[in-house]
C-alpha cells in the first residue's frame, strides 16, 4: 500500500473517532487534511490513473466523502454540505433535495437508483416524506422527525420543517387577508407568540401585526392589470381598435 493511501486510512480512522465523540473542530481539521490528501491519490481526479491500488483508493475516497457529509450535517453548514454531497453523488443520496423543495431534482435522483435500492430504510423514509409533502400532509411530515432512520437526518428534518413553514406562509398569503395571531401561530407550527413575531420580523417583513392579527395585504402579489406595462398594452390595444374603426 502506498504511503499516501496508508496516511489516508490512518487519518480516516482518527476522523471517525473525532466524529464519534462529537469533536467537530478536530473532525473538520482532519477532513480538510484528507481532502488535500485525496488529490495526491493517482486513481482519483484529476489524474484518473489505472493503478494497482485504484479500488482501495476509490473506497477510501467514498468513505471520506460519506464522513464529510455526516460531519458537515452536524456542523450545520448548508453550503459545505451541498459541495460535499456533489462530491458524493455517485455513492450516496438522502433527503437534501426534498428539504430544499427541489422536487424535480429529487425525482430525477430516484430514477437513477436501482429498484432494489428503493427498499433501503433511508430511501423509503425519503420517499414517504416526499409523498406527504406532495399531499400537503404537513403534520405527518413534522411528526416524521421522531422516526428518522439515522441521526444525521435530524438536521435535514429541521430544514424540511422550514420549507413546510414557508409553503404554509405562501398559501396563507394567497388564501387570507388576515389571520388571528393564535391561528397563524398554530398554522405556522410555532409554540409561542414570540417565535411567530421573530419569524415575521426576519422572514416576512411585508406582513403587518395589528388588532391582534397578522395582515397579509402588503405581501399579496399585485394584479397584472395594475402593472404599468399592462396599462400601456391595454392603451395601445385601445388605440389600435380606434384606428381600425377609422380605417
Protein backbone atom coordinates (compact mmCIF):
# COMPACT_ATOMS: atom_id res chain seq x y z
CA UNK A 1 0.00 0.00 0.00
CA UNK A 2 1.36 3.42 -0.97
CA UNK A 3 2.30 5.88 1.76
CA UNK A 4 -0.43 8.35 0.73
CA UNK A 5 -3.08 5.64 0.94
CA UNK A 6 -1.78 4.46 4.32
CA UNK A 7 -1.88 8.05 5.60
CA UNK A 8 -5.46 8.44 4.34
CA UNK A 9 -6.55 5.22 6.09
CA UNK A 10 -4.95 6.37 9.34
CA UNK A 11 -6.45 9.86 9.24
CA UNK A 12 -9.86 8.47 8.32
CA UNK A 13 -9.74 6.33 11.47
CA UNK A 14 -9.00 9.46 13.52
CA UNK A 15 -11.82 11.28 11.74
CA UNK A 16 -14.25 8.50 12.68
CA UNK A 17 -13.05 8.71 16.28
CA UNK A 18 -13.47 12.51 16.37
CA UNK A 19 -16.99 12.29 14.92
CA UNK A 20 -17.97 9.53 17.35
CA UNK A 21 -17.00 11.61 20.37
CA UNK A 22 -18.54 14.81 18.97
CA UNK A 23 -15.25 16.66 18.49
CA UNK A 24 -16.39 18.65 15.47
CA UNK A 25 -13.40 21.03 15.49
CA UNK A 26 -10.85 18.21 15.23
CA UNK A 27 -13.05 16.42 12.72
CA UNK A 28 -13.19 19.48 10.46
CA UNK A 29 -9.41 19.86 10.61
CA UNK A 30 -8.87 16.18 9.73
CA UNK A 31 -11.40 16.40 6.92
CA UNK A 32 -9.54 19.34 5.37
CA UNK A 33 -6.29 17.36 5.51
CA UNK A 34 -7.95 14.30 3.99
CA UNK A 35 -9.41 16.27 1.08
CA UNK A 36 -5.95 17.60 0.26
CA UNK A 37 -4.53 14.09 0.58
CA UNK A 38 -7.10 12.73 -1.88
CA UNK A 39 -5.70 14.99 -4.59
CA UNK A 40 -2.44 13.01 -4.36
CA UNK A 41 -4.07 9.62 -4.96
CA UNK A 42 -3.41 8.92 -8.66
CA UNK A 43 -6.61 7.00 -9.44
CA UNK A 44 -8.80 9.92 -8.33
CA UNK A 45 -9.42 13.25 -10.09
CA UNK A 46 -7.68 14.93 -11.77
CA UNK A 47 -5.32 12.07 -12.79
CA UNK A 48 -7.69 9.06 -13.13
CA UNK A 49 -4.74 6.70 -13.48
CA UNK A 50 -5.29 2.93 -13.52
CA UNK A 51 -3.15 1.90 -10.57
CA UNK A 52 -2.90 -1.36 -8.59
CA UNK A 53 -4.47 0.45 -5.62
CA UNK A 54 -7.29 2.06 -7.63
CA UNK A 55 -10.08 0.08 -5.94
CA UNK A 56 -8.76 0.80 -2.46
CA UNK A 57 -8.29 4.47 -3.30
CA UNK A 58 -11.87 4.73 -4.56
CA UNK A 59 -13.18 3.01 -1.43
CA UNK A 60 -11.24 5.32 0.88
CA UNK A 61 -12.43 8.36 -1.10
CA UNK A 62 -16.05 7.22 -0.76
CA UNK A 63 -15.62 6.71 2.97
CA UNK A 64 -14.06 10.17 3.36
CA UNK A 65 -16.89 11.84 1.43
CA UNK A 66 -19.50 9.94 3.45
CA UNK A 67 -17.86 11.11 6.67
CA UNK A 68 -17.66 14.63 5.26
CA UNK A 69 -21.42 14.70 4.67
CA UNK A 70 -22.18 13.41 8.17
CA UNK A 71 -19.72 15.78 9.83
CA UNK A 72 -20.99 18.82 7.95
CA UNK A 73 -24.57 17.92 8.82
CA UNK A 74 -23.56 18.07 12.47
CA UNK A 75 -21.82 21.40 11.90
CA UNK A 76 -24.96 22.63 10.04
CA UNK A 77 -23.11 24.33 7.19
CA UNK A 78 -25.53 24.30 4.24
CA UNK A 79 -23.10 25.43 1.55
CA UNK A 80 -20.39 23.00 2.62
CA UNK A 81 -22.97 20.22 2.75
CA UNK A 82 -24.06 20.97 -0.80
CA UNK A 83 -20.47 20.77 -2.02
CA UNK A 84 -19.78 17.53 -0.17
CA UNK A 85 -22.98 15.98 -1.45
CA UNK A 86 -21.99 16.80 -5.02
CA UNK A 87 -18.69 15.00 -4.43
CA UNK A 88 -20.56 12.02 -3.03
CA UNK A 89 -23.27 11.95 -5.67
CA UNK A 90 -22.04 8.70 -7.20
CA UNK A 91 -22.27 6.90 -3.85
CA UNK A 92 -24.92 8.47 -1.68
CA UNK A 93 -28.41 10.02 -1.73
CA UNK A 94 -30.62 11.46 1.04
CA UNK A 95 -33.38 13.94 1.69
CA UNK A 96 -31.47 17.15 0.89
CA UNK A 97 -33.29 17.88 -2.38
CA UNK A 98 -36.62 17.31 -0.65
CA UNK A 99 -35.67 19.53 2.28
CA UNK A 100 -34.80 22.31 -0.18
CA UNK A 101 -38.13 21.83 -2.01
CA UNK A 102 -36.28 20.78 -5.18
CA UNK A 103 -38.87 18.13 -6.01
CA UNK A 104 -37.99 17.69 -9.71
CA UNK A 105 -34.34 17.03 -8.90
CA UNK A 106 -35.42 14.68 -6.11
CA UNK A 107 -37.42 12.58 -8.58
CA UNK A 108 -34.55 12.62 -11.08
CA UNK A 109 -32.19 11.18 -8.47
CA UNK A 110 -34.72 8.49 -7.55
CA UNK A 111 -34.98 7.45 -11.20
CA UNK A 112 -31.23 6.82 -11.25
CA UNK A 113 -31.41 4.31 -8.39
CA UNK A 114 -31.73 0.56 -8.99
CA UNK A 115 -35.10 -0.88 -7.94
CA UNK A 116 -33.61 -2.89 -5.09
CA UNK A 117 -32.22 0.31 -3.53
CA UNK A 118 -35.74 1.68 -3.04
CA UNK A 119 -36.33 -0.82 -0.25
CA UNK A 120 -33.48 0.63 1.84
CA UNK A 121 -34.92 2.20 5.04
CA UNK A 122 -33.22 5.56 4.43
CA UNK A 123 -34.53 5.85 0.88
CA UNK A 124 -38.01 4.59 1.82
CA UNK A 125 -38.09 7.25 4.52
CA UNK A 126 -37.24 9.97 1.99
CA UNK A 127 -39.86 8.71 -0.49
CA UNK A 128 -42.54 8.68 2.22
CA UNK A 129 -41.61 12.23 3.18
CA UNK A 130 -41.98 13.32 -0.44
CA UNK A 131 -45.42 11.70 -0.66
CA UNK A 132 -46.55 13.51 2.48
CA UNK A 133 -45.14 16.77 1.13
CA UNK A 134 -46.98 16.43 -2.20
CA UNK A 135 -50.22 15.54 -0.40
CA UNK A 136 -49.90 18.58 1.85
CA UNK A 137 -49.87 16.33 4.92
CA UNK A 138 -47.59 18.71 6.78
CA UNK A 139 -48.39 17.38 10.25
CA UNK A 140 -47.28 13.94 9.11
CA UNK A 141 -44.03 15.46 7.87
CA UNK A 142 -43.33 17.16 11.17
CA UNK A 143 -44.16 14.03 13.16
CA UNK A 144 -41.79 12.00 10.97
CA UNK A 145 -38.90 13.75 12.70
CA UNK A 146 -39.39 11.34 15.60
CA UNK A 147 -38.73 8.33 13.36
CA UNK A 148 -35.58 9.32 11.45
CA UNK A 149 -33.58 6.32 10.18
CA UNK A 150 -30.27 7.94 11.14
CA UNK A 151 -29.22 10.76 13.45
CA UNK A 152 -27.92 12.82 10.53
CA UNK A 153 -31.48 13.15 9.24
CA UNK A 154 -32.40 15.38 12.20
CA UNK A 155 -30.76 18.44 10.64
CA UNK A 156 -32.40 17.69 7.29
CA UNK A 157 -35.77 17.38 9.00
CA UNK A 158 -35.24 20.78 10.62
CA UNK A 159 -34.61 22.20 7.15
CA UNK A 160 -37.70 20.42 5.86
CA UNK A 161 -39.75 21.98 8.66
CA UNK A 162 -38.56 25.41 7.49
CA UNK A 163 -39.56 24.55 3.91
CA UNK A 164 -43.00 23.40 5.06
CA UNK A 165 -43.44 26.59 7.07
CA UNK A 166 -42.58 28.72 4.04
CA UNK A 167 -45.09 26.75 1.93
CA UNK A 168 -47.82 27.33 4.52
CA UNK A 169 -46.89 31.02 4.69
CA UNK A 170 -47.21 31.41 0.90
CA UNK A 171 -50.57 29.64 0.92
CA UNK A 172 -51.80 31.82 3.78
CA UNK A 173 -50.98 34.98 1.85
CA UNK A 174 -52.99 33.71 -1.13
CA UNK A 175 -55.94 32.41 0.89
CA UNK A 176 -56.47 35.05 3.60
CA UNK A 177 -56.38 38.78 4.09
CA UNK A 178 -55.51 38.31 7.75
CA UNK A 179 -55.40 35.68 10.48
CA UNK A 180 -55.70 35.99 14.27
CA UNK A 181 -52.29 35.63 15.87
CA UNK A 182 -53.23 32.41 17.67
CA UNK A 183 -54.42 30.84 14.40
CA UNK A 184 -51.33 31.98 12.47
CA UNK A 185 -49.13 30.62 15.23
CA UNK A 186 -50.78 27.19 15.01
CA UNK A 187 -50.74 27.07 11.20
CA UNK A 188 -47.07 28.00 11.06
CA UNK A 189 -46.21 25.48 13.77
CA UNK A 190 -44.83 27.88 16.37
CA UNK A 191 -45.13 27.24 20.10
CA UNK A 192 -45.17 30.89 21.22
CA UNK A 193 -46.22 34.32 20.01
CA UNK A 194 -42.59 35.45 20.29
CA UNK A 195 -41.44 32.79 17.80
CA UNK A 196 -44.13 33.94 15.37
CA UNK A 197 -43.13 37.59 15.75
CA UNK A 198 -39.45 36.77 15.20
CA UNK A 199 -40.33 34.81 12.07
CA UNK A 200 -42.35 37.71 10.68
CA UNK A 201 -39.58 40.18 11.52
CA UNK A 202 -36.85 38.09 9.87
CA UNK A 203 -38.65 36.28 7.03
CA UNK A 204 -41.90 38.13 6.25
CA UNK A 205 -41.26 41.88 6.62
CA UNK A 206 -44.31 42.71 4.47
CA UNK A 207 -46.69 41.15 6.96
CA UNK A 208 -48.27 43.51 9.49
CA UNK A 209 -49.37 42.94 13.06
CA UNK A 210 -52.41 44.96 14.06
CA UNK A 211 -55.58 44.37 16.07
CA UNK A 212 -54.16 41.07 17.39
CA UNK A 213 -53.99 39.71 13.86
CA UNK A 214 -51.45 39.08 11.12
CA UNK A 215 -52.34 41.03 7.96
CA UNK A 216 -51.07 39.92 4.55
CA UNK A 217 -52.22 42.83 2.36
CA UNK A 218 -48.73 44.16 1.61
CA UNK A 219 -47.44 40.71 0.72
CA UNK A 220 -50.13 39.86 -1.81
CA UNK A 221 -48.90 39.86 -5.44
CA UNK A 222 -50.13 42.76 -7.49
CA UNK A 223 -52.62 42.07 -10.22
CA UNK A 224 -51.03 42.05 -13.66
CA UNK A 225 -53.58 44.61 -14.81
CA UNK A 226 -52.28 47.07 -12.24
CA UNK A 227 -48.74 46.97 -13.60
CA UNK A 228 -47.58 49.90 -15.81
CA UNK A 229 -46.66 47.57 -18.70
CA UNK A 230 -50.13 46.08 -18.81
CA UNK A 231 -51.72 49.53 -18.71
CA UNK A 232 -49.60 50.55 -21.69
CA UNK A 233 -50.55 47.39 -23.57
CA UNK A 234 -54.22 47.99 -22.84
CA UNK A 235 -53.92 51.58 -24.01
CA UNK A 236 -52.10 50.54 -27.21
CA UNK A 237 -54.79 47.97 -27.99
CA UNK A 238 -57.41 50.63 -27.45
CA UNK A 239 -55.63 52.95 -29.90
CA UNK A 240 -55.31 50.11 -32.43
CA UNK A 241 -59.01 49.37 -32.16
CA UNK A 242 -59.88 53.03 -32.72
CA UNK A 243 -57.57 53.21 -35.74
CA UNK A 244 -59.18 50.07 -37.15
CA UNK A 245 -62.61 51.70 -36.84
CA UNK A 246 -61.38 54.84 -38.59
CA UNK A 247 -59.79 52.90 -41.46
